[in-house]
PDB file of N, CA and C in Angstrom:
ATOM      1  N   UNK A   1      61.714  99.643  77.352  1.00  0.00           N
ATOM      2  CA  UNK A   1      62.247  99.218  78.627  1.00  0.00           C
ATOM      3  C   UNK A   1      63.347  98.160  78.451  1.00  0.00           C
ATOM      4  N   UNK A   2      63.152  97.255  77.485  1.00  0.00           N
ATOM      5  CA  UNK A   2      64.153  96.223  77.232  1.00  0.00           C
ATOM      6  C   UNK A   2      65.456  96.839  76.732  1.00  0.00           C
ATOM      7  N   UNK A   3      65.346  97.894  75.924  1.00  0.00           N
ATOM      8  CA  UNK A   3      66.539  98.554  75.408  1.00  0.00           C
ATOM      9  C   UNK A   3      67.337  99.182  76.538  1.00  0.00           C
ATOM     10  N   UNK A   4      66.667  99.786  77.486  1.00  0.00           N
ATOM     11  CA  UNK A   4      67.359 100.407  78.626  1.00  0.00           C
ATOM     12  C   UNK A   4      68.059  99.341  79.456  1.00  0.00           C
ATOM     13  N   UNK A   5      67.384  98.216  79.682  1.00  0.00           N
ATOM     14  CA  UNK A   5      67.983  97.122  80.442  1.00  0.00           C
ATOM     15  C   UNK A   5      69.204  96.561  79.726  1.00  0.00           C
ATOM     16  N   UNK A   6      69.131  96.432  78.414  1.00  0.00           N
ATOM     17  CA  UNK A   6      70.268  95.944  77.628  1.00  0.00           C
ATOM     18  C   UNK A   6      71.429  96.927  77.672  1.00  0.00           C
ATOM     19  N   UNK A   7      71.128  98.202  77.580  1.00  0.00           N
ATOM     20  CA  UNK A   7      72.181  99.217  77.643  1.00  0.00           C
ATOM     21  C   UNK A   7      72.860  99.192  79.005  1.00  0.00           C
ATOM     22  N   UNK A   8      72.083  99.089  80.065  1.00  0.00           N
ATOM     23  CA  UNK A   8      72.645  99.031  81.418  1.00  0.00           C
ATOM     24  C   UNK A   8      73.493  97.776  81.586  1.00  0.00           C
ATOM     25  N   UNK A   9      73.008  96.632  81.123  1.00  0.00           N
ATOM     26  CA  UNK A   9      73.760  95.380  81.239  1.00  0.00           C
ATOM     27  C   UNK A   9      75.055  95.445  80.433  1.00  0.00           C
ATOM     28  N   UNK A  10      74.981  95.987  79.227  1.00  0.00           N
ATOM     29  CA  UNK A  10      76.169  96.114  78.388  1.00  0.00           C
ATOM     30  C   UNK A  10      77.186  97.053  79.037  1.00  0.00           C
ATOM     31  N   UNK A  11      76.707  98.167  79.564  1.00  0.00           N
ATOM     32  CA  UNK A  11      77.599  99.122  80.237  1.00  0.00           C
ATOM     33  C   UNK A  11      78.275  98.482  81.443  1.00  0.00           C
ATOM     34  N   UNK A  12      77.519  97.722  82.208  1.00  0.00           N
ATOM     35  CA  UNK A  12      78.072  97.036  83.370  1.00  0.00           C
ATOM     36  C   UNK A  12      79.166  96.060  82.941  1.00  0.00           C
ATOM     37  N   UNK A  13      78.922  95.318  81.863  1.00  0.00           N
ATOM     38  CA  UNK A  13      79.922  94.362  81.362  1.00  0.00           C
ATOM     39  C   UNK A  13      81.196  95.083  80.931  1.00  0.00           C
ATOM     40  N   UNK A  14      81.058  96.203  80.252  1.00  0.00           N
ATOM     41  CA  UNK A  14      82.232  96.967  79.834  1.00  0.00           C
ATOM     42  C   UNK A  14      83.022  97.477  81.037  1.00  0.00           C
ATOM     43  N   UNK A  15      82.322  97.962  82.030  1.00  0.00           N
ATOM     44  CA  UNK A  15      82.992  98.454  83.242  1.00  0.00           C
ATOM     45  C   UNK A  15      83.728  97.312  83.931  1.00  0.00           C
ATOM     46  N   UNK A  16      83.117  96.163  84.041  1.00  0.00           N
ATOM     47  CA  UNK A  16      83.749  95.015  84.700  1.00  0.00           C
ATOM     48  C   UNK A  16      84.982  94.554  83.925  1.00  0.00           C
ATOM     49  N   UNK A  17      84.906  94.552  82.618  1.00  0.00           N
ATOM     50  CA  UNK A  17      86.067  94.170  81.809  1.00  0.00           C
ATOM     51  C   UNK A  17      87.204  95.149  82.038  1.00  0.00           C
ATOM     52  N   UNK A  18      86.890  96.439  82.051  1.00  0.00           N
ATOM     53  CA  UNK A  18      87.917  97.462  82.261  1.00  0.00           C
ATOM     54  C   UNK A  18      88.541  97.327  83.642  1.00  0.00           C
ATOM     55  N   UNK A  19      87.732  97.175  84.674  1.00  0.00           N
ATOM     56  CA  UNK A  19      88.242  97.096  86.046  1.00  0.00           C
ATOM     57  C   UNK A  19      89.105  95.860  86.247  1.00  0.00           C
ATOM     58  N   UNK A  20      88.678  94.722  85.760  1.00  0.00           N
ATOM     59  CA  UNK A  20      89.452  93.499  85.971  1.00  0.00           C
ATOM     60  C   UNK A  20      90.701  93.450  85.107  1.00  0.00           C
ATOM     61  N   UNK A  21      90.693  94.121  83.958  1.00  0.00           N
ATOM     62  CA  UNK A  21      91.877  94.089  83.108  1.00  0.00           C
ATOM     63  C   UNK A  21      92.964  95.031  83.612  1.00  0.00           C
ATOM     64  N   UNK A  22      92.622  96.009  84.431  1.00  0.00           N
ATOM     65  CA  UNK A  22      93.600  96.966  84.955  1.00  0.00           C
ATOM     66  C   UNK A  22      94.325  96.432  86.185  1.00  0.00           C
ATOM     67  N   UNK A  23      93.765  95.437  86.806  1.00  0.00           N
ATOM     68  CA  UNK A  23      94.363  94.880  88.009  1.00  0.00           C
ATOM     69  C   UNK A  23      95.488  93.924  87.612  1.00  0.00           C
ATOM     70  N   UNK A  24      96.708  94.102  88.186  1.00  0.00           N
ATOM     71  CA  UNK A  24      97.798  93.189  87.820  1.00  0.00           C
ATOM     72  C   UNK A  24      97.495  91.765  88.294  1.00  0.00           C
ATOM     73  N   UNK A  25      97.969  90.808  87.534  1.00  0.00           N
ATOM     74  CA  UNK A  25      97.739  89.418  87.901  1.00  0.00           C
ATOM     75  C   UNK A  25      98.489  89.095  89.196  1.00  0.00           C
ATOM     76  N   UNK A  26      98.073  88.025  89.840  1.00  0.00           N
ATOM     77  CA  UNK A  26      98.713  87.621  91.093  1.00  0.00           C
ATOM     78  C   UNK A  26     100.178  87.259  90.878  1.00  0.00           C
ATOM     79  N   UNK A  27     100.488  86.669  89.715  1.00  0.00           N
ATOM     80  CA  UNK A  27     101.872  86.300  89.413  1.00  0.00           C
ATOM     81  C   UNK A  27     102.758  87.537  89.323  1.00  0.00           C
ATOM     82  N   UNK A  28     102.247  88.594  88.727  1.00  0.00           N
ATOM     83  CA  UNK A  28     103.019  89.832  88.618  1.00  0.00           C
ATOM     84  C   UNK A  28     103.129  90.503  89.979  1.00  0.00           C
ATOM     85  N   UNK A  29     102.038  90.542  90.711  1.00  0.00           N
ATOM     86  CA  UNK A  29     102.024  91.206  92.018  1.00  0.00           C
ATOM     87  C   UNK A  29     102.917  90.499  93.033  1.00  0.00           C
ATOM     88  N   UNK A  30     103.166  89.210  92.862  1.00  0.00           N
ATOM     89  CA  UNK A  30     103.959  88.462  93.837  1.00  0.00           C
ATOM     90  C   UNK A  30     105.460  88.511  93.555  1.00  0.00           C
ATOM     91  N   UNK A  31     105.874  89.164  92.468  1.00  0.00           N
ATOM     92  CA  UNK A  31     107.302  89.238  92.142  1.00  0.00           C
ATOM     93  C   UNK A  31     108.052  90.089  93.156  1.00  0.00           C
ATOM     94  N   UNK A  32     109.284  89.689  93.400  1.00  0.00           N
ATOM     95  CA  UNK A  32     110.134  90.445  94.315  1.00  0.00           C
ATOM     96  C   UNK A  32     110.791  91.603  93.571  1.00  0.00           C
ATOM     97  N   UNK A  33     111.365  92.526  94.339  1.00  0.00           N
ATOM     98  CA  UNK A  33     112.085  93.639  93.742  1.00  0.00           C
ATOM     99  C   UNK A  33     113.259  93.163  92.905  1.00  0.00           C
ATOM    100  N   UNK A  34     113.936  92.119  93.369  1.00  0.00           N
ATOM    101  CA  UNK A  34     115.072  91.574  92.613  1.00  0.00           C
ATOM    102  C   UNK A  34     114.617  91.006  91.270  1.00  0.00           C
ATOM    103  N   UNK A  35     113.481  90.324  91.261  1.00  0.00           N
ATOM    104  CA  UNK A  35     112.965  89.770  90.010  1.00  0.00           C
ATOM    105  C   UNK A  35     112.582  90.877  89.037  1.00  0.00           C
ATOM    106  N   UNK A  36     111.881  91.872  89.537  1.00  0.00           N
ATOM    107  CA  UNK A  36     111.454  92.990  88.686  1.00  0.00           C
ATOM    108  C   UNK A  36     112.672  93.718  88.131  1.00  0.00           C
ATOM    109  N   UNK A  37     113.650  93.966  88.986  1.00  0.00           N
ATOM    110  CA  UNK A  37     114.885  94.646  88.583  1.00  0.00           C
ATOM    111  C   UNK A  37     115.607  93.840  87.510  1.00  0.00           C
ATOM    112  N   UNK A  38     115.761  92.539  87.751  1.00  0.00           N
ATOM    113  CA  UNK A  38     116.462  91.676  86.807  1.00  0.00           C
ATOM    114  C   UNK A  38     115.761  91.547  85.470  1.00  0.00           C
ATOM    115  N   UNK A  39     114.443  91.543  85.474  1.00  0.00           N
ATOM    116  CA  UNK A  39     113.687  91.375  84.231  1.00  0.00           C
ATOM    117  C   UNK A  39     113.582  92.659  83.425  1.00  0.00           C
ATOM    118  N   UNK A  40     113.621  93.799  84.078  1.00  0.00           N
ATOM    119  CA  UNK A  40     113.352  95.046  83.375  1.00  0.00           C
ATOM    120  C   UNK A  40     114.587  95.856  83.029  1.00  0.00           C
ATOM    121  N   UNK A  41     115.523  95.973  83.929  1.00  0.00           N
ATOM    122  CA  UNK A  41     116.666  96.868  83.711  1.00  0.00           C
ATOM    123  C   UNK A  41     117.554  96.406  82.563  1.00  0.00           C
ATOM    124  N   UNK A  42     117.718  95.115  82.431  1.00  0.00           N
ATOM    125  CA  UNK A  42     118.624  94.601  81.398  1.00  0.00           C
ATOM    126  C   UNK A  42     118.013  94.635  79.999  1.00  0.00           C
ATOM    127  N   UNK A  43     116.763  95.008  79.894  1.00  0.00           N
ATOM    128  CA  UNK A  43     116.151  95.121  78.557  1.00  0.00           C
ATOM    129  C   UNK A  43     116.794  96.239  77.747  1.00  0.00           C
ATOM    130  N   UNK A  44     117.237  97.298  78.448  1.00  0.00           N
ATOM    131  CA  UNK A  44     117.744  98.470  77.731  1.00  0.00           C
ATOM    132  C   UNK A  44     119.217  98.770  77.992  1.00  0.00           C
ATOM    133  N   UNK A  45     119.745  98.305  79.107  1.00  0.00           N
ATOM    134  CA  UNK A  45     121.141  98.610  79.439  1.00  0.00           C
ATOM    135  C   UNK A  45     121.675  97.589  80.428  1.00  0.00           C
ATOM    136  N   UNK A  46     122.963  97.609  80.638  1.00  0.00           N
ATOM    137  CA  UNK A  46     123.559  96.741  81.646  1.00  0.00           C
ATOM    138  C   UNK A  46     123.100  97.211  83.012  1.00  0.00           C
ATOM    139  N   UNK A  47     122.640  96.294  83.810  1.00  0.00           N
ATOM    140  CA  UNK A  47     122.163  96.651  85.144  1.00  0.00           C
ATOM    141  C   UNK A  47     123.357  96.908  86.054  1.00  0.00           C
ATOM    142  N   UNK A  48     123.307  98.015  86.757  1.00  0.00           N
ATOM    143  CA  UNK A  48     124.370  98.355  87.695  1.00  0.00           C
ATOM    144  C   UNK A  48     124.255  97.481  88.932  1.00  0.00           C
ATOM    145  N   UNK A  49     125.353  97.265  89.595  1.00  0.00           N
ATOM    146  CA  UNK A  49     125.334  96.535  90.858  1.00  0.00           C
ATOM    147  C   UNK A  49     124.499  97.328  91.859  1.00  0.00           C
ATOM    148  N   UNK A  50     123.718  96.665  92.702  1.00  0.00           N
ATOM    149  CA  UNK A  50     122.933  97.392  93.699  1.00  0.00           C
ATOM    150  C   UNK A  50     123.789  98.256  94.627  1.00  0.00           C
ATOM    151  N   UNK A  51     125.056  97.923  94.780  1.00  0.00           N
ATOM    152  CA  UNK A  51     125.929  98.699  95.661  1.00  0.00           C
ATOM    153  C   UNK A  51     126.535  99.929  94.970  1.00  0.00           C
ATOM    154  N   UNK A  52     126.198 100.142  93.710  1.00  0.00           N
ATOM    155  CA  UNK A  52     126.784 101.234  92.936  1.00  0.00           C
ATOM    156  C   UNK A  52     126.374 102.612  93.447  1.00  0.00           C
ATOM    157  N   UNK A  53     125.116 102.772  93.826  1.00  0.00           N
ATOM    158  CA  UNK A  53     124.599 104.083  94.200  1.00  0.00           C
ATOM    159  C   UNK A  53     124.099 104.101  95.641  1.00  0.00           C
ATOM    160  N   UNK A  54     123.952 105.303  96.169  1.00  0.00           N
ATOM    161  CA  UNK A  54     123.416 105.480  97.525  1.00  0.00           C
ATOM    162  C   UNK A  54     121.899 105.265  97.497  1.00  0.00           C
ATOM    163  N   UNK A  55     121.294 105.205  98.669  1.00  0.00           N
ATOM    164  CA  UNK A  55     119.843 105.028  98.756  1.00  0.00           C
ATOM    165  C   UNK A  55     119.099 106.143  98.028  1.00  0.00           C
ATOM    166  N   UNK A  56     119.540 107.359  98.213  1.00  0.00           N
ATOM    167  CA  UNK A  56     118.888 108.508  97.570  1.00  0.00           C
ATOM    168  C   UNK A  56     119.053 108.434  96.057  1.00  0.00           C
ATOM    169  N   UNK A  57     120.240 108.095  95.595  1.00  0.00           N
ATOM    170  CA  UNK A  57     120.471 107.992  94.152  1.00  0.00           C
ATOM    171  C   UNK A  57     119.611 106.889  93.523  1.00  0.00           C
ATOM    172  N   UNK A  58     119.457 105.757  94.239  1.00  0.00           N
ATOM    173  CA  UNK A  58     118.616 104.682  93.715  1.00  0.00           C
ATOM    174  C   UNK A  58     117.164 105.127  93.643  1.00  0.00           C
ATOM    175  N   UNK A  59     116.715 105.873  94.629  1.00  0.00           N
ATOM    176  CA  UNK A  59     115.327 106.335  94.615  1.00  0.00           C
ATOM    177  C   UNK A  59     115.081 107.247  93.415  1.00  0.00           C
ATOM    178  N   UNK A  60     115.986 108.176  93.172  1.00  0.00           N
ATOM    179  CA  UNK A  60     115.848 109.088  92.021  1.00  0.00           C
ATOM    180  C   UNK A  60     115.870 108.298  90.714  1.00  0.00           C
ATOM    181  N   UNK A  61     116.823 107.388  90.579  1.00  0.00           N
ATOM    182  CA  UNK A  61     116.941 106.597  89.351  1.00  0.00           C
ATOM    183  C   UNK A  61     115.694 105.737  89.131  1.00  0.00           C
ATOM    184  N   UNK A  62     115.203 105.121  90.198  1.00  0.00           N
ATOM    185  CA  UNK A  62     114.039 104.242  90.075  1.00  0.00           C
ATOM    186  C   UNK A  62     112.790 105.026  89.699  1.00  0.00           C
ATOM    187  N   UNK A  63     112.627 106.207  90.268  1.00  0.00           N
ATOM    188  CA  UNK A  63     111.456 107.034  89.914  1.00  0.00           C
ATOM    189  C   UNK A  63     111.517 107.450  88.441  1.00  0.00           C
ATOM    190  N   UNK A  64     112.695 107.753  87.974  1.00  0.00           N
ATOM    191  CA  UNK A  64     112.852 108.094  86.558  1.00  0.00           C
ATOM    192  C   UNK A  64     112.551 106.866  85.692  1.00  0.00           C
ATOM    193  N   UNK A  65     113.087 105.723  86.077  1.00  0.00           N
ATOM    194  CA  UNK A  65     112.910 104.521  85.284  1.00  0.00           C
ATOM    195  C   UNK A  65     111.483 103.968  85.381  1.00  0.00           C
ATOM    196  N   UNK A  66     110.751 104.343  86.425  1.00  0.00           N
ATOM    197  CA  UNK A  66     109.352 103.925  86.522  1.00  0.00           C
ATOM    198  C   UNK A  66     108.592 104.386  85.285  1.00  0.00           C
ATOM    199  N   UNK A  67     108.857 105.600  84.885  1.00  0.00           N
ATOM    200  CA  UNK A  67     108.200 106.151  83.704  1.00  0.00           C
ATOM    201  C   UNK A  67     108.746 105.500  82.440  1.00  0.00           C
ATOM    202  N   UNK A  68     110.059 105.422  82.341  1.00  0.00           N
ATOM    203  CA  UNK A  68     110.703 104.889  81.133  1.00  0.00           C
ATOM    204  C   UNK A  68     110.389 103.406  80.913  1.00  0.00           C
ATOM    205  N   UNK A  69     110.365 102.624  81.994  1.00  0.00           N
ATOM    206  CA  UNK A  69     110.152 101.176  81.884  1.00  0.00           C
ATOM    207  C   UNK A  69     108.691 100.785  82.073  1.00  0.00           C
ATOM    208  N   UNK A  70     107.833 101.791  82.281  1.00  0.00           N
ATOM    209  CA  UNK A  70     106.397 101.543  82.452  1.00  0.00           C
ATOM    210  C   UNK A  70     106.114 100.595  83.621  1.00  0.00           C
ATOM    211  N   UNK A  71     106.730 100.888  84.759  1.00  0.00           N
ATOM    212  CA  UNK A  71     106.523 100.091  85.966  1.00  0.00           C
ATOM    213  C   UNK A  71     105.406 100.701  86.802  1.00  0.00           C
ATOM    214  N   UNK A  72     104.717  99.857  87.550  1.00  0.00           N
ATOM    215  CA  UNK A  72     103.713 100.366  88.475  1.00  0.00           C
ATOM    216  C   UNK A  72     104.411 100.949  89.703  1.00  0.00           C
ATOM    217  N   UNK A  73     103.667 101.688  90.493  1.00  0.00           N
ATOM    218  CA  UNK A  73     104.228 102.246  91.727  1.00  0.00           C
ATOM    219  C   UNK A  73     104.662 101.127  92.665  1.00  0.00           C
ATOM    220  N   UNK A  74     103.868 100.071  92.752  1.00  0.00           N
ATOM    221  CA  UNK A  74     104.210  98.934  93.611  1.00  0.00           C
ATOM    222  C   UNK A  74     105.495  98.261  93.146  1.00  0.00           C
ATOM    223  N   UNK A  75     105.633  98.063  91.849  1.00  0.00           N
ATOM    224  CA  UNK A  75     106.854  97.453  91.316  1.00  0.00           C
ATOM    225  C   UNK A  75     108.064  98.337  91.608  1.00  0.00           C
ATOM    226  N   UNK A  76     107.905  99.634  91.424  1.00  0.00           N
ATOM    227  CA  UNK A  76     109.003 100.570  91.672  1.00  0.00           C
ATOM    228  C   UNK A  76     109.416 100.548  93.135  1.00  0.00           C
ATOM    229  N   UNK A  77     108.454 100.528  94.036  1.00  0.00           N
ATOM    230  CA  UNK A  77     108.759 100.470  95.475  1.00  0.00           C
ATOM    231  C   UNK A  77     109.537  99.203  95.818  1.00  0.00           C
ATOM    232  N   UNK A  78     109.146  98.087  95.228  1.00  0.00           N
ATOM    233  CA  UNK A  78     109.853  96.828  95.480  1.00  0.00           C
ATOM    234  C   UNK A  78     111.295  96.896  94.975  1.00  0.00           C
ATOM    235  N   UNK A  79     111.485  97.476  93.799  1.00  0.00           N
ATOM    236  CA  UNK A  79     112.833  97.608  93.234  1.00  0.00           C
ATOM    237  C   UNK A  79     113.684  98.508  94.116  1.00  0.00           C
ATOM    238  N   UNK A  80     113.121  99.632  94.553  1.00  0.00           N
ATOM    239  CA  UNK A  80     113.866 100.556  95.424  1.00  0.00           C
ATOM    240  C   UNK A  80     114.287  99.860  96.706  1.00  0.00           C
ATOM    241  N   UNK A  81     113.386  99.148  97.340  1.00  0.00           N
ATOM    242  CA  UNK A  81     113.728  98.431  98.587  1.00  0.00           C
ATOM    243  C   UNK A  81     114.829  97.417  98.342  1.00  0.00           C
ATOM    244  N   UNK A  82     114.748  96.690  97.227  1.00  0.00           N
ATOM    245  CA  UNK A  82     115.794  95.717  96.915  1.00  0.00           C
ATOM    246  C   UNK A  82     117.135  96.392  96.726  1.00  0.00           C
ATOM    247  N   UNK A  83     117.177  97.446  95.919  1.00  0.00           N
ATOM    248  CA  UNK A  83     118.450  98.119  95.630  1.00  0.00           C
ATOM    249  C   UNK A  83     119.020  98.782  96.879  1.00  0.00           C
ATOM    250  N   UNK A  84     118.185  99.365  97.698  1.00  0.00           N
ATOM    251  CA  UNK A  84     118.655 100.010  98.913  1.00  0.00           C
ATOM    252  C   UNK A  84     119.135  99.009  99.961  1.00  0.00           C
ATOM    253  N   UNK A  85     118.641  97.798  99.882  1.00  0.00           N
ATOM    254  CA  UNK A  85     119.056  96.776 100.862  1.00  0.00           C
ATOM    255  C   UNK A  85     120.501  96.366 100.659  1.00  0.00           C
ATOM    256  N   UNK A  86     121.077  96.685  99.498  1.00  0.00           N
ATOM    257  CA  UNK A  86     122.474  96.335  99.229  1.00  0.00           C
ATOM    258  C   UNK A  86     123.450  97.357  99.831  1.00  0.00           C
ATOM    259  N   UNK A  87     122.953  98.484 100.263  1.00  0.00           N
ATOM    260  CA  UNK A  87     123.817  99.537 100.827  1.00  0.00           C
ATOM    261  C   UNK A  87     124.006  99.382 102.322  1.00  0.00           C
TER     262      UNK A  87
END
C-alpha cells in the first residue's frame, strides 16, 4: 500500500512540474507586440519597418515566423496587432 501511495505522489509531482513549467512566466506574458518583435526578428535578419507590408502580408509573415522563431500563439497575435497598427 505504501508503494502505491509513493507512486501516486511521485506521479502527481511530475505532472505538477510539467504543467507549471509549460506556462509562460508573467514577465514573458506581459510583453507587448513591439517588444516581442524587437527582441526576436533582429536575431536572424534586419527587421522591416512595420509600414513595409499590408495587414494580410504581415499576418502571413508572422504565421510563418511563429514556427521559425518558436513563438507562442499569444506572442504571434501581439506581434501581428503591433505590425498591423502601423498601416
